[in-house]
Protein backbone atom coordinates (compact mmCIF):
# COMPACT_ATOMS: atom_id res chain seq x y z
CA UNK A 1 -16.14 61.06 33.00
CA UNK A 2 -19.77 61.88 33.12
CA UNK A 3 -21.36 63.91 30.16
CA UNK A 4 -24.68 64.83 28.53
CA UNK A 5 -25.85 64.81 24.97
CA UNK A 6 -27.63 67.53 23.14
CA UNK A 7 -30.58 65.23 23.13
CA UNK A 8 -30.60 65.44 26.95
CA UNK A 9 -31.52 69.13 26.72
CA UNK A 10 -34.05 68.53 23.96
CA UNK A 11 -35.90 66.13 26.39
CA UNK A 12 -35.96 68.65 29.16
CA UNK A 13 -38.21 70.82 27.03
CA UNK A 14 -41.17 68.77 28.00
CA UNK A 15 -40.80 69.50 31.74
CA UNK A 16 -42.61 72.31 33.60
CA UNK A 17 -40.55 75.55 33.54
CA UNK A 18 -39.31 75.14 37.19
CA UNK A 19 -38.27 71.57 36.76
CA UNK A 20 -36.71 72.19 33.36
CA UNK A 21 -34.57 75.06 34.79
CA UNK A 22 -33.38 72.99 37.64
CA UNK A 23 -32.56 70.02 35.38
CA UNK A 24 -30.79 72.27 32.87
CA UNK A 25 -28.68 73.81 35.77
CA UNK A 26 -27.74 70.29 36.94
CA UNK A 27 -26.92 69.06 33.39
CA UNK A 28 -24.67 72.12 32.74
CA UNK A 29 -22.25 70.79 35.38
CA UNK A 30 -21.32 67.95 32.90
CA UNK A 31 -19.42 68.01 29.69
CA UNK A 32 -21.54 68.18 26.53
CA UNK A 33 -20.82 65.44 24.01
CA UNK A 34 -20.75 67.06 20.57
CA UNK A 35 -20.01 64.46 17.77
CA UNK A 36 -19.61 65.68 14.15
CA UNK A 37 -22.07 64.71 11.55
CA UNK A 38 -19.63 62.37 10.16
CA UNK A 39 -19.04 60.78 13.48
CA UNK A 40 -22.84 60.22 13.91
CA UNK A 41 -23.13 58.68 10.41
CA UNK A 42 -20.44 56.18 11.29
CA UNK A 43 -22.10 55.42 14.60
CA UNK A 44 -25.51 54.85 12.84
CA UNK A 45 -23.72 52.44 10.57
CA UNK A 46 -22.20 50.64 13.36
CA UNK A 47 -25.38 50.48 15.38
CA UNK A 48 -27.23 49.16 12.43
CA UNK A 49 -25.20 46.12 12.41
CA UNK A 50 -26.49 44.93 15.60
CA UNK A 51 -30.03 46.51 15.94
CA UNK A 52 -33.11 47.22 13.78
CA UNK A 53 -33.00 51.03 14.14
CA UNK A 54 -36.79 51.25 13.58
CA UNK A 55 -37.09 49.62 17.04
CA UNK A 56 -35.92 52.97 18.65
CA UNK A 57 -37.93 56.13 18.91
CA UNK A 58 -36.49 59.26 17.35
CA UNK A 59 -35.22 60.69 20.60
CA UNK A 60 -33.81 57.43 21.78
CA UNK A 61 -31.88 56.91 18.63
CA UNK A 62 -30.47 60.51 18.82
CA UNK A 63 -29.33 59.70 22.37
CA UNK A 64 -27.59 56.46 21.39
CA UNK A 65 -25.96 57.91 18.33
CA UNK A 66 -24.75 61.10 19.95
CA UNK A 67 -23.22 59.21 22.83
CA UNK A 68 -21.70 56.51 20.77
CA UNK A 69 -20.44 58.90 18.13
CA UNK A 70 -18.73 60.93 20.75
CA UNK A 71 -16.80 57.94 22.09
CA UNK A 72 -18.95 57.18 25.20
CA UNK A 73 -18.72 53.56 26.35
CA UNK A 74 -21.89 53.66 28.49
CA UNK A 75 -25.22 55.44 28.29
CA UNK A 76 -26.95 55.57 31.66
CA UNK A 77 -30.68 56.08 31.37
CA UNK A 78 -33.84 55.32 33.40
CA UNK A 79 -35.75 54.88 30.12
CA UNK A 80 -36.90 51.34 30.43
CA UNK A 81 -37.85 51.14 26.74
CA UNK A 82 -34.53 52.23 25.63
CA UNK A 83 -32.79 49.83 27.94
CA UNK A 84 -34.97 47.04 26.76
CA UNK A 85 -34.33 47.77 23.12
CA UNK A 86 -30.70 48.89 23.18
CA UNK A 87 -29.38 47.46 26.33
CA UNK A 88 -28.10 44.23 24.73
CA UNK A 89 -26.52 46.18 21.88
CA UNK A 90 -23.51 47.17 23.94
CA UNK A 91 -21.92 43.69 23.61
CA UNK A 92 -18.65 45.19 22.04
CA UNK A 93 -20.58 47.18 19.41
CA UNK A 94 -21.35 50.84 19.95
CA UNK A 95 -22.10 51.34 23.64
CA UNK A 96 -23.69 49.71 26.60
CA UNK A 97 -27.12 51.04 27.78
CA UNK A 98 -28.26 50.67 31.17
CA UNK A 99 -29.94 52.03 34.43
CA UNK A 100 -27.72 54.59 36.32
CA UNK A 101 -27.64 52.43 39.45
CA UNK A 102 -26.41 49.45 37.55
CA UNK A 103 -23.93 51.50 35.62
CA UNK A 104 -22.55 53.09 38.80
CA UNK A 105 -22.29 49.81 40.58
CA UNK A 106 -20.61 48.24 37.71
CA UNK A 107 -17.89 51.17 37.87
CA UNK A 108 -17.06 50.66 41.53
């Protein structure tokens, strides 16, 4: 199943209006992951076991926590910095992070 996080919509705010509207329309076709606050706290604790959380920017941390807390196994992103910092964390911990093309090929 493919899904989006609330942080996906937050990041769209920075796009020009026409692009933002197109991206929101595309994102609305997918399920929204909505973990509870308790689930996000538990995910933060689990993630902190394998990663210095200060290495992630605020938005990247929200993406990882929302996806992991909602039970996602993989977070597909083109954010090279996020992949570099969190990509190796998925080794059986919270979730794997990788480029969409790699994630899709791994699923085939």
